Amino acid sequence: MLRKLLIGFGLAEIAKPEPIIGLCERIGLRNPSETRRRPLARTGARLEGLLFVWLLVRGRKGSTLVTGVLGLAGLTLVLVPQPIIELSQYLVYANTDDLELQPWVVPAARLLGVLYLTVTLLSRSTGEEPTASASETDADPSSSRLRLRSS
């Protein structure tokens, strides 16, 4: 269920990044109307959505490098969010000196880190239920467990 919800969020972020960027600005800034976004802002949001969808749909078949980078970013956001906050402001806004951060921007960044870690962990799991129960596997004469015992 959570996987499907995050895939939906990623697809929405790819299709229409503007409302999500605006929401993040309203959450994190005291003066969101005074921002001057760089063109990279929409591209970055779409890339984030694409990473979410790609990792969650491909699962274990996804890139270990991409999963590692997203996991590292999530861990960094959880443990020391300030450098990532400053870097993202520099990449997204042309007027970083004019931005007034809300007092809860650091906890919000940590929550974003938890979201990244959640996507990373969900991408590692297949999301599929095992098809055979343990008793069925034991009863199957072709199972590796029985072959090992008989050899």
C-alpha atoms as a PDB file:
ATOM      1  CA  MET A   1       0.000   0.000   0.000  1.00  0.00           C
ATOM      2  CA  LEU A   2       2.757   2.452   0.974  1.00  0.00           C
ATOM      3  CA  ARG A   3       4.684   1.505  -2.163  1.00  0.00           C
ATOM      4  CA  LYS A   4       1.681   2.353  -4.359  1.00  0.00           C
ATOM      5  CA  LEU A   5       1.136   5.638  -2.527  1.00  0.00           C
ATOM      6  CA  LEU A   6       4.774   6.653  -3.040  1.00  0.00           C
ATOM      7  CA  ILE A   7       4.654   5.631  -6.701  1.00  0.00           C
ATOM      8  CA  GLY A   8       1.570   7.833  -7.088  1.00  0.00           C
ATOM      9  CA  PHE A   9       3.384  10.703  -5.390  1.00  0.00           C
ATOM     10  CA  GLY A  10       6.357  10.227  -7.718  1.00  0.00           C
ATOM     11  CA  LEU A  11       4.122  10.229 -10.789  1.00  0.00           C
ATOM     12  CA  ALA A  12       2.398  13.407  -9.588  1.00  0.00           C
ATOM     13  CA  GLU A  13       5.782  15.033  -9.009  1.00  0.00           C
ATOM     14  CA  ILE A  14       6.866  14.111 -12.533  1.00  0.00           C
ATOM     15  CA  ALA A  15       3.650  15.338 -14.159  1.00  0.00           C
ATOM     16  CA  LYS A  16       3.036  18.503 -12.110  1.00  0.00           C
ATOM     17  CA  PRO A  17       5.990  19.507  -9.928  1.00  0.00           C
ATOM     18  CA  GLU A  18       4.776  23.082  -9.404  1.00  0.00           C
ATOM     19  CA  PRO A  19       2.152  22.357  -6.687  1.00  0.00           C
ATOM     20  CA  ILE A  20       4.611  20.193  -4.750  1.00  0.00           C
ATOM     21  CA  ILE A  21       7.343  22.830  -4.955  1.00  0.00           C
ATOM     22  CA  GLY A  22       4.843  25.482  -3.837  1.00  0.00           C
ATOM     23  CA  LEU A  23       3.757  23.348  -0.891  1.00  0.00           C
ATOM     24  CA  CYS A  24       7.370  22.812   0.175  1.00  0.00           C
ATOM     25  CA  GLU A  25       7.981  26.565  -0.062  1.00  0.00           C
ATOM     26  CA  ARG A  26       4.927  27.313   2.088  1.00  0.00           C
ATOM     27  CA  ILE A  27       6.104  24.767   4.649  1.00  0.00           C
ATOM     28  CA  GLY A  28       9.746  25.842   4.751  1.00  0.00           C
ATOM     29  CA  LEU A  29       9.765  29.585   4.081  1.00  0.00           C
ATOM     30  CA  ARG A  30       8.272  32.600   5.819  1.00  0.00           C
ATOM     31  CA  ASN A  31       8.346  34.528   2.534  1.00  0.00           C
ATOM     32  CA  PRO A  32       7.519  32.035  -0.236  1.00  0.00           C
ATOM     33  CA  SER A  33       6.151  34.792  -2.488  1.00  0.00           C
ATOM     34  CA  GLU A  34       9.584  36.438  -2.676  1.00  0.00           C
ATOM     35  CA  THR A  35      11.428  33.443  -4.114  1.00  0.00           C
ATOM     36  CA  ARG A  36      13.114  33.562  -7.487  1.00  0.00           C
ATOM     37  CA  ARG A  37      13.387  29.968  -8.627  1.00  0.00           C
ATOM     38  CA  ARG A  38      15.987  28.766 -11.009  1.00  0.00           C
ATOM     39  CA  PRO A  39      14.768  26.598 -13.934  1.00  0.00           C
ATOM     40  CA  LEU A  40      16.513  23.697 -12.204  1.00  0.00           C
ATOM     41  CA  ALA A  41      13.782  23.601  -9.518  1.00  0.00           C
ATOM     42  CA  ARG A  42      11.204  21.863 -11.711  1.00  0.00           C
ATOM     43  CA  THR A  43      13.812  19.561 -13.198  1.00  0.00           C
ATOM     44  CA  GLY A  44      15.022  18.577  -9.732  1.00  0.00           C
ATOM     45  CA  ALA A  45      11.491  17.830  -8.532  1.00  0.00           C
ATOM     46  CA  ARG A  46      10.797  15.740 -11.628  1.00  0.00           C
ATOM     47  CA  LEU A  47      14.064  13.884 -11.142  1.00  0.00           C
ATOM     48  CA  GLU A  48      13.142  13.130  -7.526  1.00  0.00           C
ATOM     49  CA  GLY A  49       9.762  11.773  -8.646  1.00  0.00           C
ATOM     50  CA  LEU A  50      11.403   9.728 -11.382  1.00  0.00           C
ATOM     51  CA  LEU A  51      13.849   8.206  -8.878  1.00  0.00           C
ATOM     52  CA  PHE A  52      10.987   7.282  -6.548  1.00  0.00           C
ATOM     53  CA  VAL A  53       8.978   5.624  -9.303  1.00  0.00           C
ATOM     54  CA  TRP A  54      11.954   3.897 -10.911  1.00  0.00           C
ATOM     55  CA  LEU A  55      13.266   2.448  -7.658  1.00  0.00           C
ATOM     56  CA  LEU A  56       9.862   1.380  -6.362  1.00  0.00           C
ATOM     57  CA  VAL A  57       8.749  -0.218  -9.627  1.00  0.00           C
ATOM     58  CA  ARG A  58      12.020  -1.951 -10.465  1.00  0.00           C
ATOM     59  CA  GLY A  59      12.715  -3.050  -6.909  1.00  0.00           C
ATOM     60  CA  ARG A  60      15.841  -5.174  -6.586  1.00  0.00           C
ATOM     61  CA  LYS A  61      16.475  -4.847 -10.310  1.00  0.00           C
ATOM     62  CA  GLY A  62      17.049  -1.088  -9.856  1.00  0.00           C
ATOM     63  CA  SER A  63      20.466   0.493  -9.780  1.00  0.00           C
ATOM     64  CA  THR A  64      22.451  -0.104  -6.612  1.00  0.00           C
ATOM     65  CA  LEU A  65      24.231   3.202  -7.213  1.00  0.00           C
ATOM     66  CA  VAL A  66      20.970   5.186  -7.368  1.00  0.00           C
ATOM     67  CA  THR A  67      19.610   3.372  -4.315  1.00  0.00           C
ATOM     68  CA  GLY A  68      22.845   4.076  -2.459  1.00  0.00           C
ATOM     69  CA  VAL A  69      22.857   7.769  -3.378  1.00  0.00           C
ATOM     70  CA  LEU A  70      19.214   8.213  -2.322  1.00  0.00           C
ATOM     71  CA  GLY A  71      19.887   6.311   0.900  1.00  0.00           C
ATOM     72  CA  LEU A  72      22.967   8.415   1.629  1.00  0.00           C
ATOM     73  CA  ALA A  73      21.011  11.612   0.978  1.00  0.00           C
ATOM     74  CA  GLY A  74      18.257  10.377   3.297  1.00  0.00           C
ATOM     75  CA  LEU A  75      20.713   9.461   6.030  1.00  0.00           C
ATOM     76  CA  THR A  76      22.457  12.829   5.698  1.00  0.00           C
ATOM     77  CA  LEU A  77      19.122  14.656   5.894  1.00  0.00           C
ATOM     78  CA  VAL A  78      18.191  12.741   9.029  1.00  0.00           C
ATOM     79  CA  LEU A  79      21.538  13.209  10.805  1.00  0.00           C
ATOM     80  CA  VAL A  80      22.871  16.589   9.579  1.00  0.00           C
ATOM     81  CA  PRO A  81      20.219  18.346   7.473  1.00  0.00           C
ATOM     82  CA  GLN A  82      21.709  21.864   7.420  1.00  0.00           C
ATOM     83  CA  PRO A  83      24.295  21.318   4.626  1.00  0.00           C
ATOM     84  CA  ILE A  84      21.664  19.703   2.388  1.00  0.00           C
ATOM     85  CA  ILE A  85      19.184  22.519   3.115  1.00  0.00           C
ATOM     86  CA  GLU A  86      21.796  25.117   2.127  1.00  0.00           C
ATOM     87  CA  LEU A  87      22.843  23.194  -0.986  1.00  0.00           C
ATOM     88  CA  SER A  88      19.263  22.735  -2.157  1.00  0.00           C
ATOM     89  CA  GLN A  89      18.523  26.448  -1.612  1.00  0.00           C
ATOM     90  CA  TYR A  90      21.558  27.376  -3.675  1.00  0.00           C
ATOM     91  CA  LEU A  91      20.551  25.009  -6.490  1.00  0.00           C
ATOM     92  CA  VAL A  92      16.875  25.984  -6.521  1.00  0.00           C
ATOM     93  CA  TYR A  93      16.815  29.738  -5.772  1.00  0.00           C
ATOM     94  CA  ALA A  94      18.619  32.702  -7.284  1.00  0.00           C
ATOM     95  CA  ASN A  95      18.001  34.855  -4.191  1.00  0.00           C
ATOM     96  CA  THR A  96      19.124  32.639  -1.306  1.00  0.00           C
ATOM     97  CA  ASP A  97      20.069  35.626   0.869  1.00  0.00           C
ATOM     98  CA  ASP A  98      16.461  36.865   0.797  1.00  0.00           C
ATOM     99  CA  LEU A  99      14.933  33.578   1.997  1.00  0.00           C
ATOM    100  CA  GLU A 100      13.548  33.449   5.530  1.00  0.00           C
ATOM    101  CA  LEU A 101      13.374  29.885   6.805  1.00  0.00           C
ATOM    102  CA  GLN A 102      10.630  28.681   9.088  1.00  0.00           C
ATOM    103  CA  PRO A 103      11.832  27.322  12.454  1.00  0.00           C
ATOM    104  CA  TRP A 104      10.576  23.840  11.550  1.00  0.00           C
ATOM    105  CA  VAL A 105      12.532  23.533   8.287  1.00  0.00           C
ATOM    106  CA  VAL A 106      15.161  21.299   9.931  1.00  0.00           C
ATOM    107  CA  PRO A 107      12.581  18.797  11.286  1.00  0.00           C
ATOM    108  CA  ALA A 108      10.840  18.899   7.890  1.00  0.00           C
ATOM    109  CA  ALA A 109      14.148  18.141   6.165  1.00  0.00           C
ATOM    110  CA  ARG A 110      14.667  15.227   8.544  1.00  0.00           C
ATOM    111  CA  LEU A 111      11.222  13.908   7.598  1.00  0.00           C
ATOM    112  CA  LEU A 112      12.221  14.169   3.952  1.00  0.00           C
ATOM    113  CA  GLY A 113      15.283  12.105   4.826  1.00  0.00           C
ATOM    114  CA  VAL A 114      13.029   9.486   6.404  1.00  0.00           C
ATOM    115  CA  LEU A 115      10.975   9.483   3.200  1.00  0.00           C
ATOM    116  CA  TYR A 116      14.128   8.889   1.130  1.00  0.00           C
ATOM    117  CA  LEU A 117      15.174   6.054   3.440  1.00  0.00           C
ATOM    118  CA  THR A 118      11.679   4.555   3.215  1.00  0.00           C
ATOM    119  CA  VAL A 119      11.818   4.576  -0.591  1.00  0.00           C
ATOM    120  CA  THR A 120      15.271   2.994  -0.409  1.00  0.00           C
ATOM    121  CA  LEU A 121      14.083   0.227   1.916  1.00  0.00           C
ATOM    122  CA  LEU A 122      10.909  -0.422  -0.077  1.00  0.00           C
ATOM    123  CA  SER A 123      12.938  -0.656  -3.278  1.00  0.00           C
ATOM    124  CA  ARG A 124      15.052  -3.391  -1.694  1.00  0.00           C
ATOM    125  CA  SER A 125      12.011  -5.531  -0.902  1.00  0.00           C
ATOM    126  CA  THR A 126      10.218  -7.234  -3.746  1.00  0.00           C
ATOM    127  CA  GLY A 127       6.755  -6.473  -2.441  1.00  0.00           C
ATOM    128  CA  GLU A 128       5.669  -9.985  -3.420  1.00  0.00           C
ATOM    129  CA  GLU A 129       4.408 -12.634  -1.073  1.00  0.00           C
ATOM    130  CA  PRO A 130       6.083 -16.052  -1.146  1.00  0.00           C
ATOM    131  CA  THR A 131       4.128 -18.433  -3.341  1.00  0.00           C
ATOM    132  CA  ALA A 132       4.751 -21.633  -1.411  1.00  0.00           C
ATOM    133  CA  SER A 133       4.475 -22.175   2.314  1.00  0.00           C
ATOM    134  CA  ALA A 134       7.267 -23.875   4.249  1.00  0.00           C
ATOM    135  CA  SER A 135       5.306 -27.127   4.545  1.00  0.00           C
ATOM    136  CA  GLU A 136       4.738 -27.229   0.776  1.00  0.00           C
ATOM    137  CA  THR A 137       8.462 -26.714   0.170  1.00  0.00           C
ATOM    138  CA  ASP A 138       9.338 -29.541   2.564  1.00  0.00           C
ATOM    139  CA  ALA A 139       6.892 -31.869   0.819  1.00  0.00           C
ATOM    140  CA  ASP A 140       8.274 -31.050  -2.629  1.00  0.00           C
ATOM    141  CA  PRO A 141      10.775 -33.785  -3.590  1.00  0.00           C
ATOM    142  CA  SER A 142      12.615 -31.393  -5.920  1.00  0.00           C
ATOM    143  CA  SER A 143      13.350 -28.853  -3.191  1.00  0.00           C
ATOM    144  CA  SER A 144      16.993 -28.110  -2.502  1.00  0.00           C
ATOM    145  CA  ARG A 145      16.533 -28.997   1.155  1.00  0.00           C
ATOM    146  CA  LEU A 146      15.557 -32.567   0.294  1.00  0.00           C
ATOM    147  CA  ARG A 147      18.231 -32.877  -2.364  1.00  0.00           C
ATOM    148  CA  LEU A 148      20.866 -31.845   0.115  1.00  0.00           C
ATOM    149  CA  ARG A 149      19.705 -34.431   2.618  1.00  0.00           C
ATOM    150  CA  SER A 150      19.602 -37.216   0.062  1.00  0.00           C
ATOM    151  CA  SER A 151      23.021 -36.552  -1.445  1.00  0.00           C
END
